[in-house]
Amino acid sequence: MNAREAIRLGLSHADLISKSYLGDLSDADLLVRPVPGANHIAWQLGHLLNSEHQMIESVWPGTMPALPEGFAAKYTPESSKFDSPGAFHSKEAYLKAYEQQRAGTLKALEKVSEADLDKPAPEQMRAYAPTYGDVLALQGSHWLMHAGQWAIVRRKLGMKPLF
């Protein structure tokens, strides 16, 4: 297995876990906070999609499909405090955007050479993703980190563990 295959595997595992945790949640469930002051899943999904889009697009301009108009503006630190369903997107919209953004990430992964995975990432990302390879690998781990929070919401909603 080479580095590109390992990154692809990490993205695949994140995809499986994230989609499994989201699968039977309703739009209303996405607005449940695990504890007061924590971000709900709806806001986290917007954050994840914005982050993946911005990071990959910063390294490989023109690779990522556009997010829906006004999408990024809905997912700011200020909007993380909102609980109104109208302030966020539907689960269907998140999943559609996820498929599109992940396809862009996989396109970038296919284009990059093994040697280029060691190239330095843009300066603004180097503290958390020093190389191109780190930027790609971070996409799976970022989704998994948030999915761990979704497991708590699922338990709060009375759902049984999936994994």
Protein backbone atom coordinates (compact mmCIF):
# COMPACT_ATOMS: atom_id res chain seq x y z
CA MET A 1 0.00 0.00 0.00
CA ASN A 2 1.31 3.43 -0.88
CA ALA A 3 0.51 6.77 0.77
CA ARG A 4 -2.24 7.67 -1.70
CA GLU A 5 -3.95 4.32 -1.08
CA ALA A 6 -3.67 4.83 2.70
CA ILE A 7 -5.25 8.29 2.42
CA ARG A 8 -8.03 6.85 0.23
CA LEU A 9 -8.65 4.14 2.85
CA GLY A 10 -8.87 6.77 5.61
CA LEU A 11 -11.38 8.75 3.56
CA SER A 12 -13.39 5.60 2.92
CA HIS A 13 -13.54 4.71 6.62
CA ALA A 14 -14.59 8.25 7.51
CA ASP A 15 -17.27 8.06 4.83
CA LEU A 16 -18.65 4.80 6.22
CA ILE A 17 -18.76 5.98 9.82
CA SER A 18 -20.10 9.47 9.06
CA LYS A 19 -22.87 8.23 6.77
CA SER A 20 -23.81 5.50 9.23
CA TYR A 21 -24.17 7.96 12.10
CA LEU A 22 -26.20 10.36 9.95
CA GLY A 23 -28.29 7.71 8.20
CA ASP A 24 -31.32 7.51 10.48
CA LEU A 25 -31.17 11.04 11.92
CA SER A 26 -33.92 13.50 11.01
CA ASP A 27 -33.43 17.17 10.22
CA ALA A 28 -34.65 17.93 13.75
CA ASP A 29 -32.12 15.49 15.22
CA LEU A 30 -29.33 17.45 13.54
CA LEU A 31 -30.17 20.41 15.80
CA VAL A 32 -29.74 18.49 19.07
CA ARG A 33 -26.71 19.60 21.05
CA PRO A 34 -24.79 16.89 22.92
CA VAL A 35 -24.43 19.29 25.89
CA PRO A 36 -25.34 22.97 26.31
CA GLY A 37 -22.89 25.17 24.44
CA ALA A 38 -21.61 22.40 22.14
CA ASN A 39 -22.22 22.67 18.41
CA HIS A 40 -25.09 20.67 16.96
CA ILE A 41 -24.61 18.33 14.02
CA ALA A 42 -26.18 20.72 11.49
CA TRP A 43 -23.59 23.39 12.22
CA GLN A 44 -20.79 20.82 12.30
CA LEU A 45 -21.78 19.51 8.87
CA GLY A 46 -21.62 23.00 7.41
CA HIS A 47 -18.26 23.56 9.09
CA LEU A 48 -16.90 20.27 7.74
CA LEU A 49 -18.07 20.94 4.21
CA ASN A 50 -16.70 24.49 4.23
CA SER A 51 -13.40 23.28 5.65
CA GLU A 52 -12.94 20.48 3.13
CA HIS A 53 -13.84 22.80 0.28
CA GLN A 54 -11.47 25.57 1.39
CA MET A 55 -8.52 23.34 2.23
CA ILE A 56 -8.56 21.31 -0.98
CA GLU A 57 -9.29 24.34 -3.12
CA SER A 58 -6.34 26.18 -1.52
CA VAL A 59 -3.93 23.47 -2.61
CA TRP A 60 -5.58 22.45 -5.91
CA PRO A 61 -7.50 25.47 -7.26
CA GLY A 62 -10.43 24.56 -9.48
CA THR A 63 -10.72 21.02 -8.10
CA MET A 64 -13.67 21.49 -5.79
CA PRO A 65 -17.28 21.86 -6.91
CA ALA A 66 -18.96 25.04 -5.74
CA LEU A 67 -20.89 24.91 -2.50
CA PRO A 68 -24.50 26.14 -2.65
CA GLU A 69 -24.79 29.92 -2.84
CA GLY A 70 -24.43 31.54 0.58
CA PHE A 71 -23.40 28.25 2.19
CA ALA A 72 -20.19 29.46 3.85
CA ALA A 73 -21.92 32.48 5.38
CA LYS A 74 -24.33 30.19 7.28
CA TYR A 75 -21.55 28.43 9.21
CA THR A 76 -19.67 30.99 11.25
CA PRO A 77 -18.77 31.03 14.94
CA GLU A 78 -21.76 33.33 15.47
CA SER A 79 -24.21 31.02 13.69
CA SER A 80 -23.08 28.07 15.82
CA LYS A 81 -25.30 29.51 18.56
CA PHE A 82 -28.48 29.35 16.42
CA ASP A 83 -31.01 26.57 16.93
CA SER A 84 -33.64 27.55 14.36
CA PRO A 85 -34.14 24.97 11.59
CA GLY A 86 -34.38 27.80 9.06
CA ALA A 87 -30.83 28.90 9.85
CA PHE A 88 -29.37 25.66 8.45
CA HIS A 89 -29.72 23.20 5.58
CA SER A 90 -31.61 19.91 5.41
CA LYS A 91 -29.86 16.59 5.88
CA GLU A 92 -30.50 15.89 2.20
CA ALA A 93 -28.69 19.11 1.22
CA TYR A 94 -25.73 18.27 3.47
CA LEU A 95 -25.43 14.76 2.03
CA LYS A 96 -25.61 16.06 -1.54
CA ALA A 97 -22.92 18.66 -0.82
CA TYR A 98 -20.85 15.98 0.93
CA GLU A 99 -20.91 13.72 -2.13
CA GLN A 100 -19.87 16.61 -4.36
CA GLN A 101 -17.09 17.85 -2.09
CA ARG A 102 -15.72 14.38 -1.41
CA ALA A 103 -15.65 13.71 -5.17
CA GLY A 104 -13.50 16.83 -5.53
CA THR A 105 -11.18 15.65 -2.77
CA LEU A 106 -10.82 12.25 -4.42
CA LYS A 107 -10.12 13.97 -7.74
CA ALA A 108 -7.30 15.90 -6.07
CA LEU A 109 -5.97 12.68 -4.55
CA GLU A 110 -5.93 11.03 -7.98
CA LYS A 111 -4.04 13.97 -9.51
CA VAL A 112 -1.31 14.23 -6.89
CA SER A 113 1.85 12.16 -7.20
CA GLU A 114 3.41 10.29 -4.30
CA ALA A 115 6.32 12.75 -4.35
CA ASP A 116 4.00 15.77 -4.29
CA LEU A 117 2.39 14.55 -1.06
CA ASP A 118 5.51 15.88 0.67
CA LYS A 119 5.19 19.40 -0.79
CA PRO A 120 4.54 22.12 1.78
CA ALA A 121 0.91 23.11 2.20
CA PRO A 122 -0.09 26.76 1.94
CA GLU A 123 1.37 28.78 4.80
CA GLN A 124 -1.98 29.36 6.56
CA MET A 125 -2.46 25.58 6.97
CA ARG A 126 1.01 24.44 7.96
CA ALA A 127 0.36 24.53 11.72
CA TYR A 128 -2.19 21.70 11.38
CA ALA A 129 -1.45 20.28 7.91
CA PRO A 130 2.21 20.83 6.95
CA THR A 131 2.12 18.99 3.60
CA TYR A 132 -0.19 18.22 0.71
CA GLY A 133 -0.49 14.70 2.08
CA ASP A 134 -1.51 16.06 5.47
CA VAL A 135 -4.18 18.24 3.87
CA LEU A 136 -5.69 15.21 2.15
CA ALA A 137 -5.44 12.90 5.17
CA LEU A 138 -6.98 15.54 7.41
CA GLN A 139 -10.26 15.34 5.48
CA GLY A 140 -11.00 11.87 6.84
CA SER A 141 -9.77 12.48 10.37
CA HIS A 142 -11.65 15.79 10.64
CA TRP A 143 -14.94 14.07 9.75
CA LEU A 144 -14.19 11.24 12.20
CA MET A 145 -13.43 13.67 15.02
CA HIS A 146 -16.84 15.27 14.61
CA ALA A 147 -18.56 11.91 14.07
CA GLY A 148 -17.43 10.97 17.57
CA GLN A 149 -19.59 13.83 18.83
CA TRP A 150 -22.52 12.55 16.76
CA ALA A 151 -22.31 9.23 18.59
CA ILE A 152 -23.09 11.13 21.81
CA VAL A 153 -26.08 12.87 20.21
CA ARG A 154 -27.36 9.51 19.00
CA ARG A 155 -27.18 8.11 22.56
CA LYS A 156 -28.92 11.23 23.88
CA LEU A 157 -31.71 10.54 21.38
CA GLY A 158 -32.05 6.98 22.72
CA MET A 159 -30.40 5.28 19.76
CA LYS A 160 -28.22 2.22 20.16
CA PRO A 161 -24.49 2.33 19.34
CA LEU A 162 -23.66 1.48 15.73
CA PHE A 163 -20.03 0.51 16.20
